[in-house]
């Protein structure tokens, strides 16, 4: 994985981890569940991360075949 892609993945994971921590604390301490829009936003972030990773994996797979 190139350094730029690696940095993007690390950044996405840090962001998602922080968001999930905040949601967890809200549920645990205050019994407040996240808004549906928050969950949709995190789902979109996970999908973007997956696309970033899969795009790189597909490139590596094609170069390994050659």
PDB file of N, CA and C in Angstrom:
ATOM      1  N   UNK A   1       0.852  -1.176   0.000  1.00  0.00           N
ATOM      2  CA  UNK A   1       0.000   0.000   0.000  1.00  0.00           C
ATOM      3  C   UNK A   1       0.890   1.228   0.000  1.00  0.00           C
ATOM      4  N   UNK A   2       0.583   2.158  -0.865  1.00  0.00           N
ATOM      5  CA  UNK A   2       1.407   3.359  -0.918  1.00  0.00           C
ATOM      6  C   UNK A   2       1.254   4.154   0.377  1.00  0.00           C
ATOM      7  N   UNK A   3       2.232   4.986   0.635  1.00  0.00           N
ATOM      8  CA  UNK A   3       2.241   5.763   1.884  1.00  0.00           C
ATOM      9  C   UNK A   3       1.013   6.664   1.991  1.00  0.00           C
ATOM     10  N   UNK A   4       0.617   7.292   0.875  1.00  0.00           N
ATOM     11  CA  UNK A   4      -0.541   8.181   0.895  1.00  0.00           C
ATOM     12  C   UNK A   4      -1.810   7.407   1.223  1.00  0.00           C
ATOM     13  N   UNK A   5      -2.008   6.268   0.576  1.00  0.00           N
ATOM     14  CA  UNK A   5      -3.177   5.432   0.855  1.00  0.00           C
ATOM     15  C   UNK A   5      -3.147   4.962   2.302  1.00  0.00           C
ATOM     16  N   UNK A   6      -1.979   4.575   2.763  1.00  0.00           N
ATOM     17  CA  UNK A   6      -1.837   4.106   4.138  1.00  0.00           C
ATOM     18  C   UNK A   6      -2.227   5.219   5.118  1.00  0.00           C
ATOM     19  N   UNK A   7      -1.791   6.426   4.852  1.00  0.00           N
ATOM     20  CA  UNK A   7      -2.134   7.559   5.716  1.00  0.00           C
ATOM     21  C   UNK A   7      -3.630   7.837   5.677  1.00  0.00           C
ATOM     22  N   UNK A   8      -4.243   7.701   4.507  1.00  0.00           N
ATOM     23  CA  UNK A   8      -5.688   7.898   4.394  1.00  0.00           C
ATOM     24  C   UNK A   8      -6.442   6.852   5.199  1.00  0.00           C
ATOM     25  N   UNK A   9      -6.020   5.602   5.106  1.00  0.00           N
ATOM     26  CA  UNK A   9      -6.671   4.526   5.854  1.00  0.00           C
ATOM     27  C   UNK A   9      -6.518   4.761   7.352  1.00  0.00           C
ATOM     28  N   UNK A  10      -5.330   5.109   7.795  1.00  0.00           N
ATOM     29  CA  UNK A  10      -5.084   5.375   9.214  1.00  0.00           C
ATOM     30  C   UNK A  10      -5.964   6.525   9.695  1.00  0.00           C
ATOM     31  N   UNK A  11      -6.074   7.570   8.901  1.00  0.00           N
ATOM     32  CA  UNK A  11      -6.898   8.711   9.258  1.00  0.00           C
ATOM     33  C   UNK A  11      -8.370   8.322   9.368  1.00  0.00           C
ATOM     34  N   UNK A  12      -8.866   7.545   8.407  1.00  0.00           N
ATOM     35  CA  UNK A  12     -10.252   7.078   8.451  1.00  0.00           C
ATOM     36  C   UNK A  12     -10.500   6.238   9.700  1.00  0.00           C
ATOM     37  N   UNK A  13      -9.590   5.332   9.983  1.00  0.00           N
ATOM     38  CA  UNK A  13      -9.768   4.439  11.140  1.00  0.00           C
ATOM     39  C   UNK A  13      -9.763   5.239  12.439  1.00  0.00           C
ATOM     40  N   UNK A  14      -8.883   6.203  12.562  1.00  0.00           N
ATOM     41  CA  UNK A  14      -8.860   7.033  13.780  1.00  0.00           C
ATOM     42  C   UNK A  14     -10.164   7.795  13.955  1.00  0.00           C
ATOM     43  N   UNK A  15     -10.657   8.371  12.868  1.00  0.00           N
ATOM     44  CA  UNK A  15     -11.907   9.112  12.920  1.00  0.00           C
ATOM     45  C   UNK A  15     -13.059   8.193  13.333  1.00  0.00           C
ATOM     46  N   UNK A  16     -13.156   7.037  12.685  1.00  0.00           N
ATOM     47  CA  UNK A  16     -14.237   6.108  12.993  1.00  0.00           C
ATOM     48  C   UNK A  16     -14.154   5.599  14.428  1.00  0.00           C
ATOM     49  N   UNK A  17     -12.958   5.327  14.891  1.00  0.00           N
ATOM     50  CA  UNK A  17     -12.774   4.859  16.261  1.00  0.00           C
ATOM     51  C   UNK A  17     -13.244   5.915  17.260  1.00  0.00           C
ATOM     52  N   UNK A  18     -12.916   7.164  17.021  1.00  0.00           N
ATOM     53  CA  UNK A  18     -13.334   8.241  17.928  1.00  0.00           C
ATOM     54  C   UNK A  18     -14.856   8.401  17.924  1.00  0.00           C
ATOM     55  N   UNK A  19     -15.447   8.347  16.747  1.00  0.00           N
ATOM     56  CA  UNK A  19     -16.904   8.456  16.661  1.00  0.00           C
ATOM     57  C   UNK A  19     -17.591   7.310  17.393  1.00  0.00           C
ATOM     58  N   UNK A  20     -17.072   6.099  17.221  1.00  0.00           N
ATOM     59  CA  UNK A  20     -17.659   4.940  17.890  1.00  0.00           C
ATOM     60  C   UNK A  20     -17.474   5.019  19.404  1.00  0.00           C
ATOM     61  N   UNK A  21     -16.343   5.537  19.862  1.00  0.00           N
ATOM     62  CA  UNK A  21     -16.136   5.728  21.302  1.00  0.00           C
ATOM     63  C   UNK A  21     -17.167   6.677  21.884  1.00  0.00           C
ATOM     64  N   UNK A  22     -17.401   7.792  21.175  1.00  0.00           N
ATOM     65  CA  UNK A  22     -18.382   8.767  21.646  1.00  0.00           C
ATOM     66  C   UNK A  22     -19.776   8.155  21.707  1.00  0.00           C
ATOM     67  N   UNK A  23     -20.144   7.380  20.699  1.00  0.00           N
ATOM     68  CA  UNK A  23     -21.453   6.722  20.703  1.00  0.00           C
ATOM     69  C   UNK A  23     -21.549   5.735  21.858  1.00  0.00           C
ATOM     70  N   UNK A  24     -20.504   4.967  22.060  1.00  0.00           N
ATOM     71  CA  UNK A  24     -20.489   3.976  23.130  1.00  0.00           C
ATOM     72  C   UNK A  24     -20.651   4.649  24.490  1.00  0.00           C
ATOM     73  N   UNK A  25     -19.916   5.730  24.718  1.00  0.00           N
ATOM     74  CA  UNK A  25     -20.035   6.442  25.986  1.00  0.00           C
ATOM     75  C   UNK A  25     -21.438   7.008  26.172  1.00  0.00           C
ATOM     76  N   UNK A  26     -22.014   7.524  25.114  1.00  0.00           N
ATOM     77  CA  UNK A  26     -23.374   8.051  25.196  1.00  0.00           C
ATOM     78  C   UNK A  26     -24.375   6.988  25.592  1.00  0.00           C
ATOM     79  N   UNK A  27     -24.210   5.809  25.036  1.00  0.00           N
ATOM     80  CA  UNK A  27     -25.107   4.699  25.366  1.00  0.00           C
ATOM     81  C   UNK A  27     -24.852   4.217  26.786  1.00  0.00           C
ATOM     82  N   UNK A  28     -23.602   4.037  27.120  1.00  0.00           N
ATOM     83  CA  UNK A  28     -23.230   3.474  28.421  1.00  0.00           C
ATOM     84  C   UNK A  28     -23.551   4.416  29.580  1.00  0.00           C
ATOM     85  N   UNK A  29     -23.197   5.681  29.453  1.00  0.00           N
ATOM     86  CA  UNK A  29     -23.332   6.612  30.566  1.00  0.00           C
ATOM     87  C   UNK A  29     -24.698   7.285  30.631  1.00  0.00           C
ATOM     88  N   UNK A  30     -25.253   7.623  29.488  1.00  0.00           N
ATOM     89  CA  UNK A  30     -26.475   8.427  29.470  1.00  0.00           C
ATOM     90  C   UNK A  30     -27.689   7.694  28.911  1.00  0.00           C
ATOM     91  N   UNK A  31     -27.504   6.461  28.475  1.00  0.00           N
ATOM     92  CA  UNK A  31     -28.577   5.703  27.818  1.00  0.00           C
ATOM     93  C   UNK A  31     -29.155   6.448  26.619  1.00  0.00           C
ATOM     94  N   UNK A  32     -28.290   7.177  25.919  1.00  0.00           N
ATOM     95  CA  UNK A  32     -28.698   7.900  24.718  1.00  0.00           C
ATOM     96  C   UNK A  32     -28.207   7.153  23.489  1.00  0.00           C
ATOM     97  N   UNK A  33     -29.121   6.836  22.621  1.00  0.00           N
ATOM     98  CA  UNK A  33     -28.742   6.155  21.403  1.00  0.00           C
ATOM     99  C   UNK A  33     -28.435   7.182  20.319  1.00  0.00           C
ATOM    100  N   UNK A  34     -27.515   6.871  19.413  1.00  0.00           N
ATOM    101  CA  UNK A  34     -27.145   7.831  18.370  1.00  0.00           C
ATOM    102  C   UNK A  34     -28.304   8.075  17.404  1.00  0.00           C
ATOM    103  N   UNK A  35     -28.284   9.241  16.804  1.00  0.00           N
ATOM    104  CA  UNK A  35     -29.278   9.584  15.788  1.00  0.00           C
ATOM    105  C   UNK A  35     -29.041   8.719  14.547  1.00  0.00           C
ATOM    106  N   UNK A  36     -30.108   8.387  13.842  1.00  0.00           N
ATOM    107  CA  UNK A  36     -29.942   7.602  12.607  1.00  0.00           C
ATOM    108  C   UNK A  36     -28.973   8.254  11.621  1.00  0.00           C
ATOM    109  N   UNK A  37     -28.975   9.585  11.560  1.00  0.00           N
ATOM    110  CA  UNK A  37     -28.073  10.264  10.628  1.00  0.00           C
ATOM    111  C   UNK A  37     -26.606  10.047  11.017  1.00  0.00           C
ATOM    112  N   UNK A  38     -26.330   9.946  12.329  1.00  0.00           N
ATOM    113  CA  UNK A  38     -24.958   9.662  12.778  1.00  0.00           C
ATOM    114  C   UNK A  38     -24.530   8.276  12.324  1.00  0.00           C
ATOM    115  N   UNK A  39     -25.439   7.316  12.462  1.00  0.00           N
ATOM    116  CA  UNK A  39     -25.127   5.949  12.041  1.00  0.00           C
ATOM    117  C   UNK A  39     -24.940   5.874  10.526  1.00  0.00           C
ATOM    118  N   UNK A  40     -25.771   6.588   9.792  1.00  0.00           N
ATOM    119  CA  UNK A  40     -25.626   6.603   8.331  1.00  0.00           C
ATOM    120  C   UNK A  40     -24.295   7.229   7.929  1.00  0.00           C
ATOM    121  N   UNK A  41     -23.879   8.269   8.639  1.00  0.00           N
ATOM    122  CA  UNK A  41     -22.599   8.903   8.360  1.00  0.00           C
ATOM    123  C   UNK A  41     -21.432   7.966   8.602  1.00  0.00           C
ATOM    124  N   UNK A  42     -21.496   7.226   9.711  1.00  0.00           N
ATOM    125  CA  UNK A  42     -20.430   6.264   9.989  1.00  0.00           C
ATOM    126  C   UNK A  42     -20.422   5.138   8.968  1.00  0.00           C
ATOM    127  N   UNK A  43     -21.609   4.699   8.568  1.00  0.00           N
ATOM    128  CA  UNK A  43     -21.691   3.656   7.546  1.00  0.00           C
ATOM    129  C   UNK A  43     -21.056   4.148   6.248  1.00  0.00           C
ATOM    130  N   UNK A  44     -21.307   5.380   5.885  1.00  0.00           N
ATOM    131  CA  UNK A  44     -20.708   5.949   4.680  1.00  0.00           C
ATOM    132  C   UNK A  44     -19.189   6.007   4.809  1.00  0.00           C
ATOM    133  N   UNK A  45     -18.699   6.353   5.993  1.00  0.00           N
ATOM    134  CA  UNK A  45     -17.255   6.392   6.212  1.00  0.00           C
ATOM    135  C   UNK A  45     -16.645   4.995   6.098  1.00  0.00           C
ATOM    136  N   UNK A  46     -17.325   3.991   6.658  1.00  0.00           N
ATOM    137  CA  UNK A  46     -16.837   2.613   6.534  1.00  0.00           C
ATOM    138  C   UNK A  46     -16.813   2.183   5.067  1.00  0.00           C
ATOM    139  N   UNK A  47     -17.842   2.545   4.309  1.00  0.00           N
ATOM    140  CA  UNK A  47     -17.881   2.202   2.890  1.00  0.00           C
ATOM    141  C   UNK A  47     -16.751   2.880   2.121  1.00  0.00           C
ATOM    142  N   UNK A  48     -16.467   4.138   2.451  1.00  0.00           N
ATOM    143  CA  UNK A  48     -15.370   4.850   1.795  1.00  0.00           C
ATOM    144  C   UNK A  48     -14.033   4.184   2.116  1.00  0.00           C
ATOM    145  N   UNK A  49     -13.875   3.780   3.356  1.00  0.00           N
ATOM    146  CA  UNK A  49     -12.645   3.095   3.761  1.00  0.00           C
ATOM    147  C   UNK A  49     -12.518   1.762   3.034  1.00  0.00           C
ATOM    148  N   UNK A  50     -13.602   1.043   2.945  1.00  0.00           N
ATOM    149  CA  UNK A  50     -13.586  -0.243   2.246  1.00  0.00           C
ATOM    150  C   UNK A  50     -13.235  -0.067   0.776  1.00  0.00           C
ATOM    151  N   UNK A  51     -13.806   0.958   0.140  1.00  0.00           N
ATOM    152  CA  UNK A  51     -13.481   1.229  -1.262  1.00  0.00           C
ATOM    153  C   UNK A  51     -12.008   1.574  -1.432  1.00  0.00           C
ATOM    154  N   UNK A  52     -11.477   2.349  -0.505  1.00  0.00           N
ATOM    155  CA  UNK A  52     -10.071   2.716  -0.557  1.00  0.00           C
ATOM    156  C   UNK A  52      -9.191   1.472  -0.458  1.00  0.00           C
ATOM    157  N   UNK A  53      -9.544   0.597   0.460  1.00  0.00           N
ATOM    158  CA  UNK A  53      -8.764  -0.623   0.661  1.00  0.00           C
ATOM    159  C   UNK A  53      -8.942  -1.579  -0.512  1.00  0.00           C
ATOM    160  N   UNK A  54     -10.184  -1.789  -0.940  1.00  0.00           N
ATOM    161  CA  UNK A  54     -10.442  -2.713  -2.043  1.00  0.00           C
ATOM    162  C   UNK A  54      -9.825  -2.222  -3.342  1.00  0.00           C
ATOM    163  N   UNK A  55      -9.840  -0.937  -3.560  1.00  0.00           N
ATOM    164  CA  UNK A  55      -9.226  -0.390  -4.769  1.00  0.00           C
ATOM    165  C   UNK A  55      -7.754  -0.722  -4.820  1.00  0.00           C
ATOM    166  N   UNK A  56      -7.082  -0.615  -3.703  1.00  0.00           N
ATOM    167  CA  UNK A  56      -5.669  -0.938  -3.621  1.00  0.00           C
ATOM    168  C   UNK A  56      -5.457  -2.435  -3.763  1.00  0.00           C
ATOM    169  N   UNK A  57      -6.332  -3.239  -3.171  1.00  0.00           N
ATOM    170  CA  UNK A  57      -6.213  -4.693  -3.252  1.00  0.00           C
ATOM    171  C   UNK A  57      -6.381  -5.162  -4.693  1.00  0.00           C
ATOM    172  N   UNK A  58      -7.347  -4.571  -5.409  1.00  0.00           N
ATOM    173  CA  UNK A  58      -7.568  -4.963  -6.799  1.00  0.00           C
ATOM    174  C   UNK A  58      -6.355  -4.639  -7.653  1.00  0.00           C
ATOM    175  N   UNK A  59      -5.729  -3.512  -7.414  1.00  0.00           N
ATOM    176  CA  UNK A  59      -4.526  -3.134  -8.156  1.00  0.00           C
ATOM    177  C   UNK A  59      -3.411  -4.134  -7.878  1.00  0.00           C
ATOM    178  N   UNK A  60      -3.229  -4.505  -6.604  1.00  0.00           N
ATOM    179  CA  UNK A  60      -2.200  -5.480  -6.259  1.00  0.00           C
ATOM    180  C   UNK A  60      -2.514  -6.831  -6.882  1.00  0.00           C
ATOM    181  N   UNK A  61      -3.776  -7.250  -6.861  1.00  0.00           N
ATOM    182  CA  UNK A  61      -4.149  -8.547  -7.444  1.00  0.00           C
ATOM    183  C   UNK A  61      -3.860  -8.579  -8.926  1.00  0.00           C
ATOM    184  N   UNK A  62      -4.165  -7.512  -9.642  1.00  0.00           N
ATOM    185  CA  UNK A  62      -3.909  -7.472 -11.069  1.00  0.00           C
ATOM    186  C   UNK A  62      -2.423  -7.506 -11.370  1.00  0.00           C
ATOM    187  N   UNK A  63      -1.603  -6.831 -10.573  1.00  0.00           N
ATOM    188  CA  UNK A  63      -0.170  -6.819 -10.818  1.00  0.00           C
ATOM    189  C   UNK A  63       0.457  -8.152 -10.442  1.00  0.00           C
ATOM    190  N   UNK A  64      -0.154  -8.873  -9.481  1.00  0.00           N
ATOM    191  CA  UNK A  64       0.373 -10.185  -9.117  1.00  0.00           C
ATOM    192  C   UNK A  64       0.115 -11.200 -10.221  1.00  0.00           C
ATOM    193  N   UNK A  65      -1.003 -11.052 -10.948  1.00  0.00           N
ATOM    194  CA  UNK A  65      -1.355 -11.963 -12.022  1.00  0.00           C
ATOM    195  C   UNK A  65      -0.382 -11.806 -13.181  1.00  0.00           C
ATOM    196  N   UNK A  66       0.028 -10.586 -13.446  1.00  0.00           N
ATOM    197  CA  UNK A  66       0.897 -10.301 -14.592  1.00  0.00           C
ATOM    198  C   UNK A  66       2.276 -10.863 -14.452  1.00  0.00           C
TER     199      UNK A  66
END
